[in-house]
Amino acid sequence: MINFHNMLIFKCKNCGGDIPALPNENTVICGSCHTTIPSPTSSEQTLFKLGKLMLSEGDFEKADGFFNELLAANADFAPAYIGKLCAELGLHYETQLDVSPVDFSNTENFRKALSCADEQYRRVLEGYMTHELAEVAQTPETKRVGFFKRLWLRLFN
């Protein structure tokens, strides 16, 4: 039985379905649309894992370096651009973009991620932008609540 918990999951370029990156496999088959696609190399998987680990540990410079190496090998890997964006903003996890007080929608890394993302991941990324736009229209009361929510997440994530 395969333990998917510790595996990298990539998105199918055809349908956006989840595809586990299996070690020692040259190709993988999407479980949703049955398209055969090349498997990411183990070095790409390792670089992505290391980049995410460095983000989670707060070593943003090293994280950025790992994501740069990954993008040198695969310039169309949208999550690596988001990893670089997180490193740039000092965020430990991608999900923190949802509560970031910084408008990142026009940054180079975010624009590149949008251009490389499949449809499903693009919707996730656009959701982060929608959150930013919605926050501008908030009342002072709801802005205070949002501030404390962001503060809580930064302190305890």
N, C-alpha and C. Protein backbone atom coordinates (compact mmCIF):
# COMPACT_ATOMS: atom_id res chain seq x y z
N MET A 1 0.84 -1.18 0.00
CA MET A 1 0.00 0.00 0.00
C MET A 1 0.88 1.24 0.00
N ILE A 2 0.54 2.24 -0.79
CA ILE A 2 1.32 3.46 -0.92
C ILE A 2 0.84 4.48 0.11
N ASN A 3 1.78 5.09 0.84
CA ASN A 3 1.47 6.14 1.79
C ASN A 3 1.52 7.48 1.06
N PHE A 4 0.36 8.05 0.77
CA PHE A 4 0.30 9.30 0.03
C PHE A 4 0.53 10.52 0.92
N HIS A 5 0.54 10.34 2.25
CA HIS A 5 0.67 11.47 3.15
C HIS A 5 1.98 12.23 2.95
N ASN A 6 3.07 11.53 2.74
CA ASN A 6 4.37 12.18 2.61
C ASN A 6 4.81 12.35 1.16
N MET A 7 3.92 12.14 0.22
CA MET A 7 4.28 12.26 -1.19
C MET A 7 3.94 13.64 -1.72
N LEU A 8 4.67 14.05 -2.73
CA LEU A 8 4.33 15.27 -3.43
C LEU A 8 3.17 14.98 -4.36
N ILE A 9 2.26 15.90 -4.42
CA ILE A 9 1.12 15.78 -5.32
C ILE A 9 1.26 16.88 -6.36
N PHE A 10 1.25 16.49 -7.63
CA PHE A 10 1.30 17.45 -8.72
C PHE A 10 -0.06 17.47 -9.41
N LYS A 11 -0.27 18.51 -10.20
CA LYS A 11 -1.54 18.68 -10.90
C LYS A 11 -1.40 18.23 -12.35
N CYS A 12 -2.44 17.56 -12.82
CA CYS A 12 -2.49 17.15 -14.23
C CYS A 12 -2.64 18.40 -15.09
N LYS A 13 -1.82 18.52 -16.11
CA LYS A 13 -1.89 19.68 -17.01
C LYS A 13 -3.15 19.64 -17.86
N ASN A 14 -3.76 18.47 -17.99
CA ASN A 14 -4.94 18.33 -18.83
C ASN A 14 -6.22 18.69 -18.08
N CYS A 15 -6.41 18.12 -16.88
CA CYS A 15 -7.69 18.31 -16.17
C CYS A 15 -7.55 18.95 -14.79
N GLY A 16 -6.32 19.07 -14.29
CA GLY A 16 -6.12 19.65 -12.97
C GLY A 16 -6.25 18.67 -11.83
N GLY A 17 -6.42 17.39 -12.15
CA GLY A 17 -6.55 16.36 -11.12
C GLY A 17 -5.25 16.14 -10.37
N ASP A 18 -5.36 15.61 -9.15
CA ASP A 18 -4.18 15.32 -8.34
C ASP A 18 -3.47 14.07 -8.84
N ILE A 19 -2.16 14.17 -8.95
CA ILE A 19 -1.34 13.03 -9.38
C ILE A 19 -0.18 12.90 -8.40
N PRO A 20 -0.07 11.77 -7.73
CA PRO A 20 1.09 11.59 -6.84
C PRO A 20 2.35 11.37 -7.66
N ALA A 21 3.43 12.02 -7.25
CA ALA A 21 4.71 11.84 -7.91
C ALA A 21 5.34 10.58 -7.35
N LEU A 22 5.32 9.52 -8.14
CA LEU A 22 5.83 8.23 -7.69
C LEU A 22 7.32 8.11 -7.98
N PRO A 23 8.09 7.67 -7.00
CA PRO A 23 9.53 7.53 -7.23
C PRO A 23 9.81 6.46 -8.28
N ASN A 24 10.86 6.68 -9.04
CA ASN A 24 11.35 5.72 -10.04
C ASN A 24 10.37 5.48 -11.18
N GLU A 25 9.47 6.38 -11.43
CA GLU A 25 8.53 6.26 -12.54
C GLU A 25 8.83 7.37 -13.55
N ASN A 26 8.91 7.02 -14.82
CA ASN A 26 9.15 8.02 -15.86
C ASN A 26 7.88 8.74 -16.27
N THR A 27 6.76 8.05 -16.16
CA THR A 27 5.48 8.66 -16.49
C THR A 27 4.46 8.27 -15.42
N VAL A 28 3.42 9.08 -15.30
CA VAL A 28 2.31 8.77 -14.40
C VAL A 28 1.02 8.96 -15.18
N ILE A 29 -0.02 8.29 -14.72
CA ILE A 29 -1.32 8.38 -15.38
C ILE A 29 -2.28 9.08 -14.44
N CYS A 30 -2.94 10.11 -14.96
CA CYS A 30 -3.91 10.85 -14.16
C CYS A 30 -5.10 9.94 -13.86
N GLY A 31 -5.47 9.88 -12.59
CA GLY A 31 -6.61 9.06 -12.20
C GLY A 31 -7.94 9.64 -12.64
N SER A 32 -7.97 10.93 -12.97
CA SER A 32 -9.23 11.58 -13.37
C SER A 32 -9.49 11.45 -14.87
N CYS A 33 -8.50 11.85 -15.68
CA CYS A 33 -8.73 11.86 -17.13
C CYS A 33 -7.93 10.80 -17.87
N HIS A 34 -7.08 10.04 -17.16
CA HIS A 34 -6.28 8.95 -17.71
C HIS A 34 -5.24 9.40 -18.72
N THR A 35 -4.83 10.67 -18.64
CA THR A 35 -3.77 11.18 -19.49
C THR A 35 -2.42 10.73 -18.93
N THR A 36 -1.52 10.29 -19.81
CA THR A 36 -0.17 9.92 -19.39
C THR A 36 0.71 11.15 -19.52
N ILE A 37 1.39 11.50 -18.42
CA ILE A 37 2.26 12.67 -18.43
C ILE A 37 3.62 12.28 -17.84
N PRO A 38 4.67 13.03 -18.19
CA PRO A 38 5.98 12.74 -17.61
C PRO A 38 5.97 12.99 -16.11
N SER A 39 6.60 12.13 -15.38
CA SER A 39 6.70 12.28 -13.92
C SER A 39 7.79 13.29 -13.61
N PRO A 40 7.56 14.14 -12.60
CA PRO A 40 8.63 15.04 -12.20
C PRO A 40 9.84 14.21 -11.74
N THR A 41 11.01 14.71 -12.00
CA THR A 41 12.20 13.97 -11.59
C THR A 41 12.30 13.97 -10.07
N SER A 42 13.01 13.02 -9.56
CA SER A 42 13.18 12.96 -8.11
C SER A 42 13.93 14.19 -7.61
N SER A 43 14.82 14.76 -8.43
CA SER A 43 15.53 15.96 -7.99
C SER A 43 14.57 17.14 -7.90
N GLU A 44 13.61 17.24 -8.80
CA GLU A 44 12.60 18.31 -8.72
C GLU A 44 11.75 18.13 -7.47
N GLN A 45 11.37 16.90 -7.19
CA GLN A 45 10.58 16.62 -5.99
C GLN A 45 11.37 17.00 -4.74
N THR A 46 12.63 16.65 -4.72
CA THR A 46 13.48 16.94 -3.57
C THR A 46 13.63 18.45 -3.39
N LEU A 47 13.88 19.17 -4.47
CA LEU A 47 14.03 20.62 -4.38
C LEU A 47 12.75 21.28 -3.86
N PHE A 48 11.59 20.79 -4.31
CA PHE A 48 10.32 21.37 -3.86
C PHE A 48 10.12 21.09 -2.37
N LYS A 49 10.38 19.86 -1.95
CA LYS A 49 10.24 19.52 -0.53
C LYS A 49 11.18 20.35 0.33
N LEU A 50 12.43 20.51 -0.13
CA LEU A 50 13.40 21.30 0.63
C LEU A 50 12.99 22.76 0.70
N GLY A 51 12.49 23.29 -0.41
CA GLY A 51 12.01 24.67 -0.41
C GLY A 51 10.88 24.88 0.57
N LYS A 52 9.91 23.95 0.58
CA LYS A 52 8.80 24.05 1.52
C LYS A 52 9.27 23.89 2.97
N LEU A 53 10.23 23.01 3.19
CA LEU A 53 10.78 22.82 4.53
C LEU A 53 11.46 24.10 5.02
N MET A 54 12.26 24.71 4.16
CA MET A 54 12.95 25.94 4.54
C MET A 54 11.95 27.07 4.82
N LEU A 55 10.87 27.14 4.04
CA LEU A 55 9.83 28.13 4.33
C LEU A 55 9.26 27.89 5.73
N SER A 56 8.90 26.64 6.00
CA SER A 56 8.27 26.33 7.29
C SER A 56 9.20 26.63 8.46
N GLU A 57 10.51 26.52 8.23
CA GLU A 57 11.48 26.80 9.28
C GLU A 57 11.90 28.27 9.32
N GLY A 58 11.40 29.05 8.37
CA GLY A 58 11.70 30.49 8.37
C GLY A 58 13.02 30.86 7.72
N ASP A 59 13.66 29.93 7.03
CA ASP A 59 14.90 30.24 6.32
C ASP A 59 14.53 30.59 4.88
N PHE A 60 14.08 31.82 4.70
CA PHE A 60 13.51 32.25 3.43
C PHE A 60 14.54 32.36 2.32
N GLU A 61 15.77 32.69 2.67
CA GLU A 61 16.83 32.79 1.67
C GLU A 61 17.14 31.41 1.07
N LYS A 62 17.26 30.40 1.92
CA LYS A 62 17.52 29.04 1.42
C LYS A 62 16.32 28.53 0.63
N ALA A 63 15.10 28.81 1.13
CA ALA A 63 13.90 28.39 0.41
C ALA A 63 13.91 28.96 -1.00
N ASP A 64 14.20 30.25 -1.12
CA ASP A 64 14.25 30.90 -2.42
C ASP A 64 15.27 30.23 -3.32
N GLY A 65 16.41 29.85 -2.76
CA GLY A 65 17.44 29.17 -3.54
C GLY A 65 16.97 27.83 -4.09
N PHE A 66 16.28 27.05 -3.25
CA PHE A 66 15.76 25.76 -3.71
C PHE A 66 14.71 25.95 -4.81
N PHE A 67 13.83 26.94 -4.63
CA PHE A 67 12.81 27.18 -5.65
C PHE A 67 13.45 27.68 -6.95
N ASN A 68 14.51 28.47 -6.85
CA ASN A 68 15.23 28.91 -8.06
C ASN A 68 15.83 27.72 -8.80
N GLU A 69 16.44 26.80 -8.06
CA GLU A 69 17.01 25.60 -8.69
C GLU A 69 15.93 24.78 -9.39
N LEU A 70 14.79 24.64 -8.73
CA LEU A 70 13.68 23.88 -9.31
C LEU A 70 13.20 24.55 -10.60
N LEU A 71 13.07 25.88 -10.57
CA LEU A 71 12.59 26.59 -11.75
C LEU A 71 13.60 26.56 -12.89
N ALA A 72 14.88 26.42 -12.56
CA ALA A 72 15.89 26.28 -13.62
C ALA A 72 15.69 24.97 -14.37
N ALA A 73 15.18 23.95 -13.66
CA ALA A 73 14.93 22.65 -14.28
C ALA A 73 13.54 22.57 -14.91
N ASN A 74 12.57 23.28 -14.32
CA ASN A 74 11.18 23.21 -14.79
C ASN A 74 10.55 24.59 -14.59
N ALA A 75 10.69 25.44 -15.59
CA ALA A 75 10.23 26.83 -15.48
C ALA A 75 8.72 26.98 -15.47
N ASP A 76 7.98 25.92 -15.69
CA ASP A 76 6.52 25.99 -15.72
C ASP A 76 5.86 25.47 -14.45
N PHE A 77 6.61 25.31 -13.38
CA PHE A 77 6.06 24.75 -12.14
C PHE A 77 5.56 25.88 -11.25
N ALA A 78 4.26 26.18 -11.37
CA ALA A 78 3.64 27.32 -10.70
C ALA A 78 3.86 27.33 -9.18
N PRO A 79 3.74 26.20 -8.47
CA PRO A 79 3.94 26.25 -7.01
C PRO A 79 5.33 26.74 -6.60
N ALA A 80 6.32 26.58 -7.45
CA ALA A 80 7.66 27.08 -7.11
C ALA A 80 7.67 28.61 -7.12
N TYR A 81 6.94 29.22 -8.04
CA TYR A 81 6.83 30.68 -8.05
C TYR A 81 6.11 31.17 -6.79
N ILE A 82 5.11 30.42 -6.36
CA ILE A 82 4.41 30.78 -5.13
C ILE A 82 5.33 30.58 -3.93
N GLY A 83 6.16 29.56 -3.97
CA GLY A 83 7.15 29.38 -2.91
C GLY A 83 8.10 30.57 -2.84
N LYS A 84 8.54 31.05 -4.01
CA LYS A 84 9.40 32.23 -4.05
C LYS A 84 8.67 33.45 -3.50
N LEU A 85 7.40 33.59 -3.84
CA LEU A 85 6.60 34.70 -3.32
C LEU A 85 6.50 34.64 -1.80
N CYS A 86 6.26 33.44 -1.27
CA CYS A 86 6.18 33.28 0.18
C CYS A 86 7.50 33.65 0.84
N ALA A 87 8.60 33.24 0.23
CA ALA A 87 9.92 33.59 0.77
C ALA A 87 10.11 35.11 0.76
N GLU A 88 9.69 35.73 -0.33
CA GLU A 88 9.81 37.18 -0.48
C GLU A 88 8.99 37.91 0.59
N LEU A 89 7.80 37.39 0.89
CA LEU A 89 6.91 38.04 1.86
C LEU A 89 7.15 37.59 3.30
N GLY A 90 8.01 36.59 3.49
CA GLY A 90 8.27 36.08 4.83
C GLY A 90 7.14 35.21 5.37
N LEU A 91 6.49 34.49 4.47
CA LEU A 91 5.39 33.60 4.87
C LEU A 91 5.90 32.16 4.94
N HIS A 92 5.44 31.44 5.93
CA HIS A 92 5.90 30.06 6.13
C HIS A 92 5.13 29.05 5.28
N TYR A 93 3.90 29.39 4.89
CA TYR A 93 3.05 28.46 4.14
C TYR A 93 2.26 29.24 3.09
N GLU A 94 1.97 28.59 1.99
CA GLU A 94 1.19 29.21 0.93
C GLU A 94 -0.17 29.69 1.43
N THR A 95 -0.80 28.93 2.30
CA THR A 95 -2.13 29.30 2.78
C THR A 95 -2.14 30.65 3.51
N GLN A 96 -0.98 31.11 3.95
CA GLN A 96 -0.92 32.41 4.61
C GLN A 96 -1.12 33.57 3.63
N LEU A 97 -1.04 33.29 2.33
CA LEU A 97 -1.34 34.33 1.35
C LEU A 97 -2.78 34.83 1.51
N ASP A 98 -3.64 33.96 1.99
CA ASP A 98 -5.05 34.30 2.16
C ASP A 98 -5.25 35.40 3.21
N VAL A 99 -4.33 35.52 4.13
CA VAL A 99 -4.46 36.53 5.19
C VAL A 99 -3.32 37.55 5.17
N SER A 100 -2.56 37.56 4.11
CA SER A 100 -1.43 38.49 4.00
C SER A 100 -1.95 39.92 3.86
N PRO A 101 -1.40 40.86 4.64
CA PRO A 101 -1.81 42.26 4.51
C PRO A 101 -1.17 42.95 3.30
N VAL A 102 -0.27 42.25 2.61
CA VAL A 102 0.46 42.82 1.48
C VAL A 102 -0.27 42.51 0.18
N ASP A 103 -0.38 43.53 -0.68
CA ASP A 103 -0.96 43.29 -2.02
C ASP A 103 0.14 42.71 -2.91
N PHE A 104 0.04 41.42 -3.17
CA PHE A 104 1.07 40.71 -3.94
C PHE A 104 0.60 40.41 -5.35
N SER A 105 -0.60 40.86 -5.71
CA SER A 105 -1.21 40.46 -6.98
C SER A 105 -0.44 40.92 -8.20
N ASN A 106 0.38 41.96 -8.08
CA ASN A 106 1.15 42.43 -9.23
C ASN A 106 2.62 42.09 -9.15
N THR A 107 2.99 41.22 -8.22
CA THR A 107 4.40 40.83 -8.13
C THR A 107 4.76 39.90 -9.28
N GLU A 108 6.01 39.90 -9.63
CA GLU A 108 6.48 39.07 -10.75
C GLU A 108 6.20 37.58 -10.49
N ASN A 109 6.51 37.11 -9.28
CA ASN A 109 6.33 35.69 -8.99
C ASN A 109 4.86 35.28 -9.03
N PHE A 110 3.98 36.13 -8.54
CA PHE A 110 2.55 35.79 -8.58
C PHE A 110 2.05 35.76 -10.02
N ARG A 111 2.47 36.73 -10.82
CA ARG A 111 2.05 36.75 -12.24
C ARG A 111 2.57 35.52 -12.98
N LYS A 112 3.82 35.13 -12.71
CA LYS A 112 4.37 33.93 -13.37
C LYS A 112 3.62 32.68 -12.93
N ALA A 113 3.30 32.60 -11.64
CA ALA A 113 2.54 31.44 -11.15
C ALA A 113 1.19 31.36 -11.84
N LEU A 114 0.51 32.48 -11.97
CA LEU A 114 -0.78 32.49 -12.67
C LEU A 114 -0.64 32.03 -14.12
N SER A 115 0.42 32.46 -14.78
CA SER A 115 0.59 32.11 -16.19
C SER A 115 0.92 30.62 -16.38
N CYS A 116 1.52 29.99 -15.37
CA CYS A 116 1.90 28.58 -15.48
C CYS A 116 0.88 27.63 -14.87
N ALA A 117 -0.01 28.15 -14.05
CA ALA A 117 -0.93 27.30 -13.29
C ALA A 117 -1.98 26.65 -14.19
N ASP A 118 -2.34 25.41 -13.82
CA ASP A 118 -3.47 24.79 -14.50
C ASP A 118 -4.74 25.45 -13.98
N GLU A 119 -5.88 25.08 -14.55
CA GLU A 119 -7.15 25.76 -14.23
C GLU A 119 -7.50 25.68 -12.74
N GLN A 120 -7.34 24.54 -12.15
CA GLN A 120 -7.70 24.36 -10.75
C GLN A 120 -6.80 25.19 -9.83
N TYR A 121 -5.51 25.14 -10.06
CA TYR A 121 -4.59 25.89 -9.21
C TYR A 121 -4.76 27.39 -9.45
N ARG A 122 -5.06 27.78 -10.69
CA ARG A 122 -5.31 29.19 -10.99
C ARG A 122 -6.48 29.71 -10.16
N ARG A 123 -7.52 28.89 -10.00
CA ARG A 123 -8.67 29.31 -9.17
C ARG A 123 -8.24 29.53 -7.72
N VAL A 124 -7.37 28.66 -7.22
CA VAL A 124 -6.86 28.84 -5.86
C VAL A 124 -6.10 30.16 -5.76
N LEU A 125 -5.22 30.42 -6.72
CA LEU A 125 -4.43 31.65 -6.70
C LEU A 125 -5.33 32.88 -6.84
N GLU A 126 -6.31 32.81 -7.72
CA GLU A 126 -7.23 33.93 -7.88
C GLU A 126 -8.04 34.16 -6.60
N GLY A 127 -8.29 33.09 -5.85
CA GLY A 127 -8.97 33.22 -4.57
C GLY A 127 -8.17 34.06 -3.60
N TYR A 128 -6.86 33.93 -3.64
CA TYR A 128 -6.01 34.77 -2.79
C TYR A 128 -6.15 36.25 -3.19
N MET A 129 -6.22 36.51 -4.49
CA MET A 129 -6.40 37.89 -4.96
C MET A 129 -7.77 38.42 -4.57
N THR A 130 -8.80 37.60 -4.69
CA THR A 130 -10.16 38.02 -4.34
C THR A 130 -10.21 38.42 -2.88
N HIS A 131 -9.52 37.65 -2.04
CA HIS A 131 -9.46 38.00 -0.62
C HIS A 131 -8.86 39.38 -0.43
N GLU A 132 -7.78 39.68 -1.15
CA GLU A 132 -7.13 40.98 -1.03
C GLU A 132 -8.08 42.10 -1.44
N LEU A 133 -8.80 41.90 -2.55
CA LEU A 133 -9.72 42.93 -3.02
C LEU A 133 -10.89 43.11 -2.07
N ALA A 134 -11.39 42.02 -1.51
CA ALA A 134 -12.51 42.10 -0.59
C ALA A 134 -12.12 42.83 0.68
N GLU A 135 -10.88 42.71 1.10
CA GLU A 135 -10.45 43.36 2.33
C GLU A 135 -10.46 44.88 2.21
N VAL A 136 -10.23 45.39 1.00
CA VAL A 136 -10.23 46.83 0.78
C VAL A 136 -11.61 47.41 1.08
N ALA A 137 -12.68 46.65 0.81
CA ALA A 137 -14.03 47.13 0.98
C ALA A 137 -14.58 46.91 2.40
N GLN A 138 -13.80 46.40 3.31
CA GLN A 138 -14.29 46.10 4.64
C GLN A 138 -14.48 47.37 5.47
N THR A 139 -15.35 47.26 6.47
CA THR A 139 -15.55 48.35 7.42
C THR A 139 -14.40 48.34 8.42
N PRO A 140 -14.21 49.43 9.16
CA PRO A 140 -13.14 49.45 10.17
C PRO A 140 -13.28 48.31 11.19
N GLU A 141 -14.50 47.96 11.56
CA GLU A 141 -14.72 46.88 12.53
C GLU A 141 -14.22 45.55 11.98
N THR A 142 -14.59 45.21 10.75
CA THR A 142 -14.17 43.93 10.19
C THR A 142 -12.68 43.92 9.87
N LYS A 143 -12.11 45.10 9.58
CA LYS A 143 -10.66 45.16 9.37
C LYS A 143 -9.92 44.82 10.65
N ARG A 144 -10.42 45.27 11.81
CA ARG A 144 -9.79 44.94 13.08
C ARG A 144 -9.83 43.43 13.32
N VAL A 145 -10.96 42.82 13.03
CA VAL A 145 -11.08 41.36 13.19
C VAL A 145 -10.09 40.66 12.26
N GLY A 146 -9.99 41.13 11.01
CA GLY A 146 -9.04 40.55 10.05
C GLY A 146 -7.59 40.70 10.52
N PHE A 147 -7.29 41.87 11.11
CA PHE A 147 -5.94 42.09 11.63
C PHE A 147 -5.60 41.06 12.70
N PHE A 148 -6.52 40.85 13.65
CA PHE A 148 -6.25 39.90 14.73
C PHE A 148 -6.19 38.47 14.21
N LYS A 149 -6.99 38.16 13.20
CA LYS A 149 -6.91 36.83 12.59
C LYS A 149 -5.54 36.61 11.96
N ARG A 150 -5.05 37.62 11.22
CA ARG A 150 -3.72 37.51 10.60
C ARG A 150 -2.64 37.40 11.66
N LEU A 151 -2.76 38.21 12.73
CA LEU A 151 -1.79 38.16 13.80
C LEU A 151 -1.77 36.78 14.46
N TRP A 152 -2.93 36.23 14.72
CA TRP A 152 -3.05 34.90 15.32
C TRP A 152 -2.36 33.86 14.44
N LEU A 153 -2.65 33.90 13.13
CA LEU A 153 -2.06 32.93 12.21
C LEU A 153 -0.55 33.06 12.14
N ARG A 154 -0.04 34.28 12.17
CA ARG A 154 1.41 34.46 12.10
C ARG A 154 2.09 33.97 13.36
N LEU A 155 1.42 34.15 14.50
CA LEU A 155 2.03 33.74 15.76
C LEU A 155 1.98 32.24 15.97
N PHE A 156 0.92 31.60 15.52
CA PHE A 156 0.70 30.20 15.87
C PHE A 156 0.75 29.24 14.70
N ASN A 157 1.15 29.67 13.54
CA ASN A 157 1.32 28.75 12.40
C ASN A 157 2.77 28.50 12.15
